[in-house]
Amino acid sequence: MLLNSQAPRLTSCELSILQAIADGAQSKEIAVHVGRSKPTIEAMVRMLYMKFNARTRAHLIARAIGCGVIDVARYAQEQQAS
């Protein structure tokens, strides 16, 4: 298991992609949002899998939350605001 001190280094684009995945976006939506092609996004997601030693998008997000890369408090605040 990765700990905060073991969080992989991420580029700003990788962080944007990771956050978009956490928000439920698919590769095509992410591609439009960050201005890259869908195959490029899919390759970057595979790289994120390797960096976090994850097998699926859900596993990737769980690992990112565990490392403190994704703040779950944001989602709790959004739920309260709804």
N, C-alpha and C. Protein backbone atom coordinates (compact mmCIF):
# COMPACT_ATOMS: atom_id res chain seq x y z
N MET A 1 0.84 -1.19 0.00
CA MET A 1 0.00 0.00 0.00
C MET A 1 0.87 1.24 0.00
N LEU A 2 0.49 2.24 -0.77
CA LEU A 2 1.22 3.50 -0.84
C LEU A 2 0.79 4.40 0.31
N LEU A 3 1.72 5.10 0.89
CA LEU A 3 1.43 6.08 1.92
C LEU A 3 1.67 7.47 1.37
N ASN A 4 1.24 8.52 2.10
CA ASN A 4 1.42 9.90 1.64
C ASN A 4 2.83 10.16 1.15
N SER A 5 3.82 9.71 1.91
CA SER A 5 5.20 9.96 1.52
C SER A 5 5.60 9.17 0.28
N GLN A 6 4.79 8.19 -0.10
CA GLN A 6 5.09 7.36 -1.25
C GLN A 6 4.24 7.72 -2.47
N ALA A 7 3.57 8.85 -2.41
CA ALA A 7 2.75 9.27 -3.55
C ALA A 7 3.67 9.52 -4.74
N PRO A 8 3.32 8.96 -5.90
CA PRO A 8 4.16 9.18 -7.08
C PRO A 8 4.12 10.64 -7.53
N ARG A 9 5.19 11.06 -8.17
CA ARG A 9 5.22 12.41 -8.74
C ARG A 9 4.31 12.43 -9.95
N LEU A 10 3.47 13.46 -10.00
CA LEU A 10 2.53 13.59 -11.11
C LEU A 10 2.70 14.93 -11.79
N THR A 11 2.54 14.92 -13.10
CA THR A 11 2.52 16.18 -13.84
C THR A 11 1.17 16.83 -13.60
N SER A 12 1.05 18.10 -13.94
CA SER A 12 -0.24 18.78 -13.77
C SER A 12 -1.30 18.14 -14.65
N CYS A 13 -0.92 17.67 -15.83
CA CYS A 13 -1.87 17.00 -16.73
C CYS A 13 -2.32 15.67 -16.12
N GLU A 14 -1.38 14.89 -15.57
CA GLU A 14 -1.75 13.63 -14.93
C GLU A 14 -2.69 13.87 -13.75
N LEU A 15 -2.43 14.92 -12.99
CA LEU A 15 -3.29 15.25 -11.86
C LEU A 15 -4.69 15.63 -12.34
N SER A 16 -4.76 16.39 -13.43
CA SER A 16 -6.07 16.74 -14.01
C SER A 16 -6.82 15.51 -14.47
N ILE A 17 -6.12 14.59 -15.09
CA ILE A 17 -6.74 13.36 -15.56
C ILE A 17 -7.22 12.53 -14.38
N LEU A 18 -6.40 12.42 -13.37
CA LEU A 18 -6.77 11.66 -12.18
C LEU A 18 -8.01 12.25 -11.52
N GLN A 19 -8.07 13.56 -11.41
CA GLN A 19 -9.23 14.22 -10.81
C GLN A 19 -10.47 14.01 -11.67
N ALA A 20 -10.30 14.07 -12.98
CA ALA A 20 -11.43 13.85 -13.88
C ALA A 20 -11.96 12.42 -13.76
N ILE A 21 -11.06 11.46 -13.61
CA ILE A 21 -11.48 10.07 -13.41
C ILE A 21 -12.26 9.96 -12.10
N ALA A 22 -11.76 10.61 -11.06
CA ALA A 22 -12.46 10.60 -9.77
C ALA A 22 -13.84 11.22 -9.88
N ASP A 23 -13.98 12.18 -10.78
CA ASP A 23 -15.28 12.84 -11.00
C ASP A 23 -16.20 12.01 -11.88
N GLY A 24 -15.69 10.89 -12.41
CA GLY A 24 -16.51 10.00 -13.22
C GLY A 24 -16.42 10.20 -14.71
N ALA A 25 -15.49 11.02 -15.17
CA ALA A 25 -15.35 11.29 -16.60
C ALA A 25 -14.73 10.10 -17.33
N GLN A 26 -15.15 9.91 -18.56
CA GLN A 26 -14.59 8.88 -19.43
C GLN A 26 -13.46 9.49 -20.26
N SER A 27 -12.69 8.64 -20.90
CA SER A 27 -11.52 9.10 -21.66
C SER A 27 -11.86 10.16 -22.70
N LYS A 28 -12.95 9.98 -23.41
CA LYS A 28 -13.33 10.94 -24.45
C LYS A 28 -13.61 12.32 -23.85
N GLU A 29 -14.32 12.34 -22.71
CA GLU A 29 -14.61 13.60 -22.03
C GLU A 29 -13.34 14.27 -21.52
N ILE A 30 -12.45 13.47 -20.97
CA ILE A 30 -11.18 14.00 -20.46
C ILE A 30 -10.37 14.58 -21.61
N ALA A 31 -10.34 13.89 -22.73
CA ALA A 31 -9.59 14.35 -23.90
C ALA A 31 -10.05 15.74 -24.33
N VAL A 32 -11.35 15.95 -24.37
CA VAL A 32 -11.89 17.26 -24.75
C VAL A 32 -11.49 18.31 -23.71
N HIS A 33 -11.59 17.93 -22.44
CA HIS A 33 -11.30 18.86 -21.34
C HIS A 33 -9.84 19.32 -21.33
N VAL A 34 -8.91 18.40 -21.56
CA VAL A 34 -7.48 18.76 -21.48
C VAL A 34 -6.85 19.04 -22.85
N GLY A 35 -7.64 18.89 -23.91
CA GLY A 35 -7.12 19.21 -25.24
C GLY A 35 -6.14 18.21 -25.80
N ARG A 36 -6.37 16.95 -25.52
CA ARG A 36 -5.53 15.87 -26.04
C ARG A 36 -6.42 14.86 -26.74
N SER A 37 -5.82 13.94 -27.48
CA SER A 37 -6.61 12.91 -28.15
C SER A 37 -7.01 11.81 -27.16
N LYS A 38 -8.06 11.09 -27.50
CA LYS A 38 -8.51 9.98 -26.65
C LYS A 38 -7.40 8.92 -26.49
N PRO A 39 -6.70 8.52 -27.57
CA PRO A 39 -5.62 7.54 -27.38
C PRO A 39 -4.50 8.05 -26.45
N THR A 40 -4.22 9.35 -26.50
CA THR A 40 -3.21 9.92 -25.60
C THR A 40 -3.67 9.83 -24.16
N ILE A 41 -4.93 10.15 -23.92
CA ILE A 41 -5.49 10.06 -22.57
C ILE A 41 -5.43 8.62 -22.08
N GLU A 42 -5.81 7.68 -22.93
CA GLU A 42 -5.78 6.28 -22.53
C GLU A 42 -4.36 5.82 -22.20
N ALA A 43 -3.38 6.30 -22.94
CA ALA A 43 -1.98 5.98 -22.64
C ALA A 43 -1.56 6.60 -21.30
N MET A 44 -2.02 7.81 -21.04
CA MET A 44 -1.69 8.47 -19.78
C MET A 44 -2.37 7.78 -18.60
N VAL A 45 -3.57 7.27 -18.81
CA VAL A 45 -4.25 6.52 -17.75
C VAL A 45 -3.47 5.24 -17.46
N ARG A 46 -2.99 4.57 -18.50
CA ARG A 46 -2.16 3.37 -18.29
C ARG A 46 -0.90 3.71 -17.50
N MET A 47 -0.32 4.87 -17.76
CA MET A 47 0.86 5.31 -17.02
C MET A 47 0.49 5.55 -15.55
N LEU A 48 -0.68 6.13 -15.32
CA LEU A 48 -1.14 6.33 -13.95
C LEU A 48 -1.34 4.99 -13.25
N TYR A 49 -1.87 3.99 -13.98
CA TYR A 49 -2.00 2.65 -13.40
C TYR A 49 -0.64 2.15 -12.92
N MET A 50 0.37 2.34 -13.75
CA MET A 50 1.72 1.87 -13.38
C MET A 50 2.26 2.65 -12.19
N LYS A 51 2.09 3.96 -12.20
CA LYS A 51 2.61 4.78 -11.12
C LYS A 51 1.98 4.43 -9.77
N PHE A 52 0.69 4.09 -9.80
CA PHE A 52 -0.01 3.78 -8.56
C PHE A 52 -0.14 2.27 -8.32
N ASN A 53 0.41 1.47 -9.24
CA ASN A 53 0.32 0.02 -9.14
C ASN A 53 -1.15 -0.40 -9.02
N ALA A 54 -1.96 0.12 -9.92
CA ALA A 54 -3.40 -0.12 -9.91
C ALA A 54 -3.81 -0.92 -11.14
N ARG A 55 -4.96 -1.60 -11.03
CA ARG A 55 -5.44 -2.44 -12.13
C ARG A 55 -6.68 -1.89 -12.82
N THR A 56 -7.45 -1.08 -12.12
CA THR A 56 -8.69 -0.53 -12.68
C THR A 56 -8.78 0.94 -12.29
N ARG A 57 -9.73 1.64 -12.88
CA ARG A 57 -9.93 3.05 -12.52
C ARG A 57 -10.33 3.19 -11.06
N ALA A 58 -11.19 2.30 -10.59
CA ALA A 58 -11.61 2.36 -9.18
C ALA A 58 -10.42 2.12 -8.26
N HIS A 59 -9.59 1.16 -8.61
CA HIS A 59 -8.39 0.87 -7.82
C HIS A 59 -7.43 2.07 -7.86
N LEU A 60 -7.31 2.69 -9.01
CA LEU A 60 -6.46 3.86 -9.17
C LEU A 60 -6.92 4.99 -8.24
N ILE A 61 -8.21 5.25 -8.22
CA ILE A 61 -8.74 6.32 -7.37
C ILE A 61 -8.58 5.97 -5.91
N ALA A 62 -8.81 4.72 -5.55
CA ALA A 62 -8.62 4.30 -4.16
C ALA A 62 -7.18 4.51 -3.72
N ARG A 63 -6.24 4.16 -4.59
CA ARG A 63 -4.81 4.37 -4.28
C ARG A 63 -4.48 5.85 -4.15
N ALA A 64 -5.03 6.66 -5.05
CA ALA A 64 -4.78 8.10 -5.01
C ALA A 64 -5.35 8.72 -3.74
N ILE A 65 -6.52 8.27 -3.32
CA ILE A 65 -7.10 8.75 -2.06
C ILE A 65 -6.21 8.34 -0.90
N GLY A 66 -5.76 7.10 -0.92
CA GLY A 66 -4.88 6.59 0.14
C GLY A 66 -3.58 7.36 0.26
N CYS A 67 -3.10 7.89 -0.85
CA CYS A 67 -1.85 8.68 -0.86
C CYS A 67 -2.11 10.15 -0.54
N GLY A 68 -3.37 10.54 -0.49
CA GLY A 68 -3.68 11.94 -0.25
C GLY A 68 -3.64 12.80 -1.49
N VAL A 69 -3.56 12.18 -2.66
CA VAL A 69 -3.51 12.93 -3.92
C VAL A 69 -4.89 13.48 -4.25
N ILE A 70 -5.93 12.72 -3.90
CA ILE A 70 -7.31 13.16 -4.11
C ILE A 70 -7.93 13.40 -2.75
N ASP A 71 -8.54 14.55 -2.60
CA ASP A 71 -9.15 14.95 -1.33
C ASP A 71 -10.63 14.55 -1.34
N VAL A 72 -10.99 13.57 -0.52
CA VAL A 72 -12.37 13.12 -0.48
C VAL A 72 -13.28 14.14 0.19
N ALA A 73 -12.73 15.05 0.97
CA ALA A 73 -13.54 16.07 1.63
C ALA A 73 -14.27 16.93 0.59
N ARG A 74 -13.66 17.11 -0.57
CA ARG A 74 -14.28 17.88 -1.65
C ARG A 74 -15.62 17.28 -2.03
N TYR A 75 -15.67 15.97 -2.12
CA TYR A 75 -16.89 15.29 -2.53
C TYR A 75 -17.94 15.33 -1.43
N ALA A 76 -17.52 15.28 -0.19
CA ALA A 76 -18.45 15.39 0.93
C ALA A 76 -19.09 16.78 0.94
N GLN A 77 -18.30 17.81 0.67
CA GLN A 77 -18.83 19.18 0.63
C GLN A 77 -19.82 19.33 -0.52
N GLU A 78 -19.53 18.72 -1.66
CA GLU A 78 -20.44 18.78 -2.81
C GLU A 78 -21.78 18.10 -2.48
N GLN A 79 -21.72 16.99 -1.75
CA GLN A 79 -22.94 16.28 -1.36
C GLN A 79 -23.79 17.11 -0.42
N GLN A 80 -23.15 17.81 0.52
CA GLN A 80 -23.87 18.65 1.46
C GLN A 80 -24.51 19.83 0.77
N ALA A 81 -23.85 20.35 -0.26
CA ALA A 81 -24.36 21.51 -0.99
C ALA A 81 -25.56 21.14 -1.86
N SER A 82 -25.68 19.87 -2.22
CA SER A 82 -26.77 19.42 -3.11
C SER A 82 -28.10 19.37 -2.41
